[in-house]
Every structure is written in structure tokens, then in C-alpha cells.
Amino acid sequence: MIDTFSLALTHGLLMLTAWLLFRRHDLDSEAPSSEDEGAGHRRRWGGRRA
């Protein structure tokens, strides 16, 4: 039997994630931000690309 608490918790976390994603202002923007140019990717993950 599936526990009601585990169902409520997982669905609640999914709803919170979707709500936070849809609240982002850059979601409708098609202009690339400074992080999308590649330098942010290397800085974020700590590696250098050849």
C-alpha cells in the first residue's frame, strides 16, 4: 500500500518546483544571458574546455 504522506510529499515538491520555474522572469526571454555564452558553464562546473 502506498503511504499517503509520501504521495503528498512528492506531489507537493513537484508542484513547488513547477511554480518556481514558471515564476522566473527569464523564462519568456529569448536573448541569451551572460551565463549562457559558455564562460559561465566552465566557471560553474570548474573545468576548462580545449
C-alpha atoms as a PDB file:
ATOM      1  CA  MET A   1       0.000   0.000   0.000  1.00  0.00           C
ATOM      2  CA  ILE A   2       1.308   3.446  -0.896  1.00  0.00           C
ATOM      3  CA  ASP A   3       1.640   5.784   2.027  1.00  0.00           C
ATOM      4  CA  THR A   4      -0.428   8.966   1.680  1.00  0.00           C
ATOM      5  CA  PHE A   5       2.333  11.083   3.201  1.00  0.00           C
ATOM      6  CA  SER A   6       4.883  10.004   0.601  1.00  0.00           C
ATOM      7  CA  LEU A   7       2.423  10.740  -2.219  1.00  0.00           C
ATOM      8  CA  ALA A   8       1.586  14.163  -0.791  1.00  0.00           C
ATOM      9  CA  LEU A   9       5.268  14.993  -0.244  1.00  0.00           C
ATOM     10  CA  THR A  10       6.418  14.069  -3.740  1.00  0.00           C
ATOM     11  CA  HIS A  11       3.479  15.802  -5.451  1.00  0.00           C
ATOM     12  CA  GLY A  12       3.963  18.858  -3.270  1.00  0.00           C
ATOM     13  CA  LEU A  13       7.642  19.064  -4.204  1.00  0.00           C
ATOM     14  CA  LEU A  14       6.802  18.705  -7.893  1.00  0.00           C
ATOM     15  CA  MET A  15       4.226  21.495  -7.629  1.00  0.00           C
ATOM     16  CA  LEU A  16       6.716  23.732  -5.799  1.00  0.00           C
ATOM     17  CA  THR A  17       9.327  23.110  -8.498  1.00  0.00           C
ATOM     18  CA  ALA A  18       6.888  23.912 -11.299  1.00  0.00           C
ATOM     19  CA  TRP A  19       5.681  27.053  -9.512  1.00  0.00           C
ATOM     20  CA  LEU A  20       9.248  28.329  -9.004  1.00  0.00           C
ATOM     21  CA  LEU A  21      10.116  27.538 -12.622  1.00  0.00           C
ATOM     22  CA  PHE A  22       7.117  29.396 -14.032  1.00  0.00           C
ATOM     23  CA  ARG A  23       7.813  32.435 -11.815  1.00  0.00           C
ATOM     24  CA  ARG A  24      11.206  33.018 -13.460  1.00  0.00           C
ATOM     25  CA  HIS A  25      11.336  36.231 -15.467  1.00  0.00           C
ATOM     26  CA  ASP A  26      13.882  34.903 -17.957  1.00  0.00           C
ATOM     27  CA  LEU A  27      11.595  32.027 -18.979  1.00  0.00           C
ATOM     28  CA  ASP A  28       9.974  34.096 -21.748  1.00  0.00           C
ATOM     29  CA  SER A  29      13.193  35.824 -22.761  1.00  0.00           C
ATOM     30  CA  GLU A  30      14.944  34.618 -25.915  1.00  0.00           C
ATOM     31  CA  ALA A  31      18.014  36.815 -25.510  1.00  0.00           C
ATOM     32  CA  PRO A  32      20.976  34.828 -24.148  1.00  0.00           C
ATOM     33  CA  SER A  33      22.174  35.891 -20.737  1.00  0.00           C
ATOM     34  CA  SER A  34      25.850  36.316 -19.874  1.00  0.00           C
ATOM     35  CA  GLU A  35      25.925  32.853 -18.281  1.00  0.00           C
ATOM     36  CA  ASP A  36      24.689  31.178 -21.472  1.00  0.00           C
ATOM     37  CA  GLU A  37      27.686  32.314 -23.516  1.00  0.00           C
ATOM     38  CA  GLY A  38      29.912  29.496 -22.327  1.00  0.00           C
ATOM     39  CA  ALA A  39      32.148  31.182 -19.767  1.00  0.00           C
ATOM     40  CA  GLY A  40      29.568  30.644 -17.046  1.00  0.00           C
ATOM     41  CA  HIS A  41      29.349  26.971 -17.883  1.00  0.00           C
ATOM     42  CA  ARG A  42      33.071  26.459 -17.407  1.00  0.00           C
ATOM     43  CA  ARG A  43      33.098  28.537 -14.257  1.00  0.00           C
ATOM     44  CA  ARG A  44      30.109  26.707 -12.815  1.00  0.00           C
ATOM     45  CA  TRP A  45      31.468  23.213 -13.402  1.00  0.00           C
ATOM     46  CA  GLY A  46      35.115  24.034 -12.748  1.00  0.00           C
ATOM     47  CA  GLY A  47      36.523  22.561 -15.944  1.00  0.00           C
ATOM     48  CA  ARG A  48      38.313  24.014 -18.927  1.00  0.00           C
ATOM     49  CA  ARG A  49      37.359  23.240 -22.439  1.00  0.00           C
ATOM     50  CA  ALA A  50      40.002  22.663 -25.056  1.00  0.00           C
END
